[in-house]
PDB file of N, CA and C in Angstrom:
ATOM      1  N   MET A   1     147.125  60.077  83.928  1.00  0.00           N
ATOM      2  CA  MET A   1     147.935  58.463  83.219  1.00  0.00           C
ATOM      3  C   MET A   1     146.863  57.584  82.220  1.00  0.00           C
ATOM      4  N   HIS A   2     146.508  57.597  80.714  1.00  0.00           N
ATOM      5  CA  HIS A   2     145.497  56.202  80.559  1.00  0.00           C
ATOM      6  C   HIS A   2     146.533  55.558  80.258  1.00  0.00           C
ATOM      7  N   ASP A   3     145.994  54.166  80.144  1.00  0.00           N
ATOM      8  CA  ASP A   3     145.865  52.489  80.125  1.00  0.00           C
ATOM      9  C   ASP A   3     146.083  52.315  78.729  1.00  0.00           C
ATOM     10  N   ALA A   4     146.891  52.104  77.652  1.00  0.00           N
ATOM     11  CA  ALA A   4     147.022  51.807  76.335  1.00  0.00           C
ATOM     12  C   ALA A   4     146.115  50.609  76.235  1.00  0.00           C
ATOM     13  N   ARG A   5     145.745  50.174  76.978  1.00  0.00           N
ATOM     14  CA  ARG A   5     144.698  49.044  76.316  1.00  0.00           C
ATOM     15  C   ARG A   5     142.927  49.345  77.249  1.00  0.00           C
ATOM     16  N   THR A   6     142.827  51.187  76.853  1.00  0.00           N
ATOM     17  CA  THR A   6     141.333  51.267  77.755  1.00  0.00           C
ATOM     18  C   THR A   6     141.289  52.308  76.979  1.00  0.00           C
ATOM     19  N   ILE A   7     142.202  52.574  75.594  1.00  0.00           N
ATOM     20  CA  ILE A   7     141.877  53.427  74.885  1.00  0.00           C
ATOM     21  C   ILE A   7     140.797  53.303  73.770  1.00  0.00           C
ATOM     22  N   LEU A   8     140.312  52.416  73.350  1.00  0.00           N
ATOM     23  CA  LEU A   8     139.370  51.908  72.430  1.00  0.00           C
ATOM     24  C   LEU A   8     137.966  52.304  73.346  1.00  0.00           C
ATOM     25  N   SER A   9     138.140  51.424  74.290  1.00  0.00           N
ATOM     26  CA  SER A   9     136.737  51.422  74.945  1.00  0.00           C
ATOM     27  C   SER A   9     136.388  53.092  75.357  1.00  0.00           C
ATOM     28  N   GLU A  10     137.639  53.677  75.743  1.00  0.00           N
ATOM     29  CA  GLU A  10     137.125  55.280  76.178  1.00  0.00           C
ATOM     30  C   GLU A  10     137.016  55.657  74.607  1.00  0.00           C
ATOM     31  N   ALA A  11     137.230  55.851  73.328  1.00  0.00           N
ATOM     32  CA  ALA A  11     136.537  56.544  72.564  1.00  0.00           C
ATOM     33  C   ALA A  11     135.432  56.178  72.114  1.00  0.00           C
ATOM     34  N   TRP A  12     134.773  54.837  72.790  1.00  0.00           N
ATOM     35  CA  TRP A  12     133.196  53.957  71.819  1.00  0.00           C
ATOM     36  C   TRP A  12     132.843  54.824  72.965  1.00  0.00           C
ATOM     37  N   GLY A  13     133.515  56.195  73.914  1.00  0.00           N
ATOM     38  CA  GLY A  13     132.395  56.874  74.396  1.00  0.00           C
ATOM     39  C   GLY A  13     132.097  58.186  74.196  1.00  0.00           C
ATOM     40  N   LEU A  14     132.194  57.918  73.061  1.00  0.00           N
ATOM     41  CA  LEU A  14     132.147  59.135  71.439  1.00  0.00           C
ATOM     42  C   LEU A  14     130.632  58.301  70.972  1.00  0.00           C
ATOM     43  N   VAL A  15     130.429  57.735  70.782  1.00  0.00           N
ATOM     44  CA  VAL A  15     129.550  57.007  70.398  1.00  0.00           C
ATOM     45  C   VAL A  15     128.435  56.606  70.930  1.00  0.00           C
ATOM     46  N   ASP A  16     128.718  55.787  72.596  1.00  0.00           N
ATOM     47  CA  ASP A  16     127.516  56.022  73.909  1.00  0.00           C
ATOM     48  C   ASP A  16     127.001  57.386  73.774  1.00  0.00           C
ATOM     49  N   ALA A  17     127.806  58.600  73.469  1.00  0.00           N
ATOM     50  CA  ALA A  17     127.107  60.131  73.977  1.00  0.00           C
ATOM     51  C   ALA A  17     126.465  60.961  72.824  1.00  0.00           C
ATOM     52  N   GLY A  18     126.589  59.868  71.559  1.00  0.00           N
ATOM     53  CA  GLY A  18     125.845  60.186  70.754  1.00  0.00           C
ATOM     54  C   GLY A  18     126.285  61.113  69.765  1.00  0.00           C
ATOM     55  N   MET A  19     127.893  61.309  69.721  1.00  0.00           N
ATOM     56  CA  MET A  19     129.008  62.281  69.147  1.00  0.00           C
ATOM     57  C   MET A  19     128.885  61.916  67.607  1.00  0.00           C
ATOM     58  N   LEU A  20     129.365  60.408  68.166  1.00  0.00           N
ATOM     59  CA  LEU A  20     129.922  59.645  66.496  1.00  0.00           C
ATOM     60  C   LEU A  20     129.077  58.953  66.635  1.00  0.00           C
ATOM     61  N   ASP A  21     128.601  57.984  65.271  1.00  0.00           N
ATOM     62  CA  ASP A  21     127.488  56.471  64.940  1.00  0.00           C
ATOM     63  C   ASP A  21     128.818  55.962  65.009  1.00  0.00           C
ATOM     64  N   ARG A  22     128.547  54.761  64.113  1.00  0.00           N
ATOM     65  CA  ARG A  22     129.329  53.128  64.067  1.00  0.00           C
ATOM     66  C   ARG A  22     130.161  53.655  63.085  1.00  0.00           C
ATOM     67  N   ALA A  23     129.385  54.384  62.075  1.00  0.00           N
ATOM     68  CA  ALA A  23     130.051  54.582  61.173  1.00  0.00           C
ATOM     69  C   ALA A  23     131.343  55.166  60.629  1.00  0.00           C
ATOM     70  N   ALA A  24     130.816  56.406  61.659  1.00  0.00           N
ATOM     71  CA  ALA A  24     132.615  57.273  62.289  1.00  0.00           C
ATOM     72  C   ALA A  24     133.999  57.098  62.903  1.00  0.00           C
ATOM     73  N   PHE A  25     132.690  56.090  64.121  1.00  0.00           N
ATOM     74  CA  PHE A  25     134.135  55.492  64.676  1.00  0.00           C
ATOM     75  C   PHE A  25     135.286  54.813  64.106  1.00  0.00           C
ATOM     76  N   ARG A  26     134.261  53.874  63.205  1.00  0.00           N
ATOM     77  CA  ARG A  26     134.935  52.818  61.824  1.00  0.00           C
ATOM     78  C   ARG A  26     136.085  54.276  61.605  1.00  0.00           C
ATOM     79  N   ASP A  27     135.769  54.910  60.898  1.00  0.00           N
ATOM     80  CA  ASP A  27     136.865  55.656  60.264  1.00  0.00           C
ATOM     81  C   ASP A  27     137.706  56.157  60.879  1.00  0.00           C
ATOM     82  N   PHE A  28     137.363  56.906  62.326  1.00  0.00           N
ATOM     83  CA  PHE A  28     137.873  57.407  63.617  1.00  0.00           C
ATOM     84  C   PHE A  28     139.095  56.192  63.851  1.00  0.00           C
ATOM     85  N   THR A  29     138.574  55.267  63.956  1.00  0.00           N
ATOM     86  CA  THR A  29     139.615  54.300  64.537  1.00  0.00           C
ATOM     87  C   THR A  29     140.784  53.331  63.644  1.00  0.00           C
ATOM     88  N   PHE A  30     139.940  53.209  62.210  1.00  0.00           N
ATOM     89  CA  PHE A  30     140.654  52.494  61.233  1.00  0.00           C
ATOM     90  C   PHE A  30     140.717  52.510  60.037  1.00  0.00           C
ATOM     91  N   THR A  31     139.703  53.445  59.260  1.00  0.00           N
ATOM     92  CA  THR A  31     139.662  54.143  58.228  1.00  0.00           C
ATOM     93  C   THR A  31     140.850  55.195  58.193  1.00  0.00           C
ATOM     94  N   ASN A  32     140.894  56.037  58.576  1.00  0.00           N
ATOM     95  CA  ASN A  32     141.817  57.374  58.268  1.00  0.00           C
ATOM     96  C   ASN A  32     143.009  57.029  58.975  1.00  0.00           C
ATOM     97  N   PRO A  33     143.674  55.560  60.383  1.00  0.00           N
ATOM     98  CA  PRO A  33     144.719  55.371  60.257  1.00  0.00           C
ATOM     99  C   PRO A  33     145.294  54.965  59.367  1.00  0.00           C
ATOM    100  N   ALA A  34     144.216  54.219  58.742  1.00  0.00           N
ATOM    101  CA  ALA A  34     144.896  52.583  57.658  1.00  0.00           C
ATOM    102  C   ALA A  34     145.453  53.132  56.780  1.00  0.00           C
ATOM    103  N   MET A  35     144.144  54.357  55.937  1.00  0.00           N
ATOM    104  CA  MET A  35     144.331  54.946  54.601  1.00  0.00           C
ATOM    105  C   MET A  35     145.882  56.015  54.987  1.00  0.00           C
ATOM    106  N   LEU A  36     146.653  55.955  56.531  1.00  0.00           N
ATOM    107  CA  LEU A  36     147.656  57.342  56.384  1.00  0.00           C
ATOM    108  C   LEU A  36     148.819  56.719  55.786  1.00  0.00           C
ATOM    109  N   HIS A  37     148.544  55.289  56.138  1.00  0.00           N
ATOM    110  CA  HIS A  37     149.704  54.005  56.078  1.00  0.00           C
ATOM    111  C   HIS A  37     149.651  53.596  54.977  1.00  0.00           C
ATOM    112  N   LEU A  38     148.749  53.437  54.263  1.00  0.00           N
ATOM    113  CA  LEU A  38     148.267  52.950  53.068  1.00  0.00           C
ATOM    114  C   LEU A  38     148.878  53.806  51.751  1.00  0.00           C
ATOM    115  N   SER A  39     148.618  55.133  51.806  1.00  0.00           N
ATOM    116  CA  SER A  39     148.771  55.894  50.911  1.00  0.00           C
ATOM    117  C   SER A  39     150.184  56.546  50.342  1.00  0.00           C
ATOM    118  N   MET A  40     151.276  55.510  51.575  1.00  0.00           N
ATOM    119  CA  MET A  40     152.282  56.064  50.957  1.00  0.00           C
ATOM    120  C   MET A  40     152.973  54.479  50.978  1.00  0.00           C
ATOM    121  N   ASN A  41     152.322  53.370  51.622  1.00  0.00           N
ATOM    122  CA  ASN A  41     152.797  51.742  51.219  1.00  0.00           C
ATOM    123  C   ASN A  41     151.657  50.991  51.273  1.00  0.00           C
ATOM    124  N   PRO A  42     151.256  50.866  49.904  1.00  0.00           N
ATOM    125  CA  PRO A  42     149.636  50.180  49.325  1.00  0.00           C
ATOM    126  C   PRO A  42     150.223  48.470  50.725  1.00  0.00           C
ATOM    127  N   ASP A  43     151.321  48.261  50.741  1.00  0.00           N
ATOM    128  CA  ASP A  43     151.577  46.819  51.505  1.00  0.00           C
ATOM    129  C   ASP A  43     151.940  47.150  52.660  1.00  0.00           C
ATOM    130  N   TYR A  44     151.797  47.849  53.092  1.00  0.00           N
ATOM    131  CA  TYR A  44     151.913  48.188  55.022  1.00  0.00           C
ATOM    132  C   TYR A  44     151.420  47.307  55.913  1.00  0.00           C
ATOM    133  N   PHE A  45     150.105  46.696  55.699  1.00  0.00           N
ATOM    134  CA  PHE A  45     149.534  45.621  56.829  1.00  0.00           C
ATOM    135  C   PHE A  45     149.929  44.270  56.125  1.00  0.00           C
ATOM    136  N   GLU A  46     151.194  43.356  55.418  1.00  0.00           N
ATOM    137  CA  GLU A  46     150.789  42.535  54.673  1.00  0.00           C
ATOM    138  C   GLU A  46     151.559  42.123  56.216  1.00  0.00           C
ATOM    139  N   GLY A  47     151.610  40.583  56.038  1.00  0.00           N
ATOM    140  CA  GLY A  47     151.954  39.883  57.829  1.00  0.00           C
ATOM    141  C   GLY A  47     150.991  39.908  58.960  1.00  0.00           C
ATOM    142  N   THR A  48     150.100  40.778  59.084  1.00  0.00           N
ATOM    143  CA  THR A  48     149.859  40.995  59.800  1.00  0.00           C
ATOM    144  C   THR A  48     148.050  40.977  59.985  1.00  0.00           C
ATOM    145  N   VAL A  49     148.092  40.793  61.348  1.00  0.00           N
ATOM    146  CA  VAL A  49     145.567  40.509  61.284  1.00  0.00           C
ATOM    147  C   VAL A  49     145.026  41.597  60.434  1.00  0.00           C
ATOM    148  N   LEU A  50     145.723  42.685  60.003  1.00  0.00           N
ATOM    149  CA  LEU A  50     144.200  43.320  59.424  1.00  0.00           C
ATOM    150  C   LEU A  50     144.910  43.507  57.553  1.00  0.00           C
ATOM    151  N   ALA A  51     145.557  42.547  57.271  1.00  0.00           N
ATOM    152  CA  ALA A  51     146.083  42.009  56.058  1.00  0.00           C
ATOM    153  C   ALA A  51     145.038  42.540  54.627  1.00  0.00           C
ATOM    154  N   ASP A  52     143.954  41.922  55.679  1.00  0.00           N
ATOM    155  CA  ASP A  52     142.008  41.642  54.826  1.00  0.00           C
ATOM    156  C   ASP A  52     142.029  42.571  54.658  1.00  0.00           C
ATOM    157  N   GLU A  53     141.650  43.005  55.548  1.00  0.00           N
ATOM    158  CA  GLU A  53     140.695  44.421  55.863  1.00  0.00           C
ATOM    159  C   GLU A  53     141.540  45.380  54.890  1.00  0.00           C
ATOM    160  N   ALA A  54     142.558  45.912  55.389  1.00  0.00           N
ATOM    161  CA  ALA A  54     143.350  47.215  54.681  1.00  0.00           C
ATOM    162  C   ALA A  54     143.438  46.795  53.135  1.00  0.00           C
ATOM    163  N   LYS A  55     143.340  45.169  52.348  1.00  0.00           N
ATOM    164  CA  LYS A  55     143.193  45.057  50.868  1.00  0.00           C
ATOM    165  C   LYS A  55     141.594  45.445  50.584  1.00  0.00           C
ATOM    166  N   LYS A  56     140.920  45.244  51.461  1.00  0.00           N
ATOM    167  CA  LYS A  56     139.375  45.704  50.946  1.00  0.00           C
ATOM    168  C   LYS A  56     139.435  47.217  51.069  1.00  0.00           C
ATOM    169  N   LEU A  57     140.295  47.785  51.699  1.00  0.00           N
ATOM    170  CA  LEU A  57     139.150  48.831  52.201  1.00  0.00           C
ATOM    171  C   LEU A  57     140.495  49.788  50.788  1.00  0.00           C
ATOM    172  N   LEU A  58     141.995  49.338  50.755  1.00  0.00           N
ATOM    173  CA  LEU A  58     141.915  50.061  49.555  1.00  0.00           C
ATOM    174  C   LEU A  58     141.579  49.322  47.788  1.00  0.00           C
ATOM    175  N   ALA A  59     140.833  48.368  47.971  1.00  0.00           N
ATOM    176  CA  ALA A  59     140.013  48.397  47.204  1.00  0.00           C
ATOM    177  C   ALA A  59     139.148  49.746  46.336  1.00  0.00           C
ATOM    178  N   ARG A  60     138.215  49.121  47.435  1.00  0.00           N
ATOM    179  CA  ARG A  60     137.154  49.978  47.785  1.00  0.00           C
ATOM    180  C   ARG A  60     137.462  52.001  47.426  1.00  0.00           C
ATOM    181  N   ARG A  61     138.643  52.305  47.949  1.00  0.00           N
ATOM    182  CA  ARG A  61     139.342  53.647  48.079  1.00  0.00           C
ATOM    183  C   ARG A  61     139.741  53.551  46.420  1.00  0.00           C
ATOM    184  N   GLN A  62     139.974  52.565  45.688  1.00  0.00           N
ATOM    185  CA  GLN A  62     140.960  52.531  44.393  1.00  0.00           C
ATOM    186  C   GLN A  62     139.329  52.788  43.614  1.00  0.00           C
ATOM    187  N   GLY A  63     138.310  52.321  44.050  1.00  0.00           N
ATOM    188  CA  GLY A  63     137.193  51.923  43.500  1.00  0.00           C
ATOM    189  C   GLY A  63     136.690  53.018  43.003  1.00  0.00           C
ATOM    190  N   ALA A  64     137.041  54.196  44.320  1.00  0.00           N
ATOM    191  CA  ALA A  64     135.692  55.092  44.657  1.00  0.00           C
ATOM    192  C   ALA A  64     135.911  56.495  42.919  1.00  0.00           C
TER     193      ALA A  64
END
């Protein structure tokens, strides 16, 4: 059984093993999950510590 506090450090092992680069790791841990929520509700992260990064991500995606 895994402790939820270790998930990111364990996922970073994919970078250490050369299976993901830093950009792919960001997509895996932030971009893809964030877009899952933002695509349904652009204000999903309002009022959270991720609000600014989510807005930037959404703006980049809409401009693409």
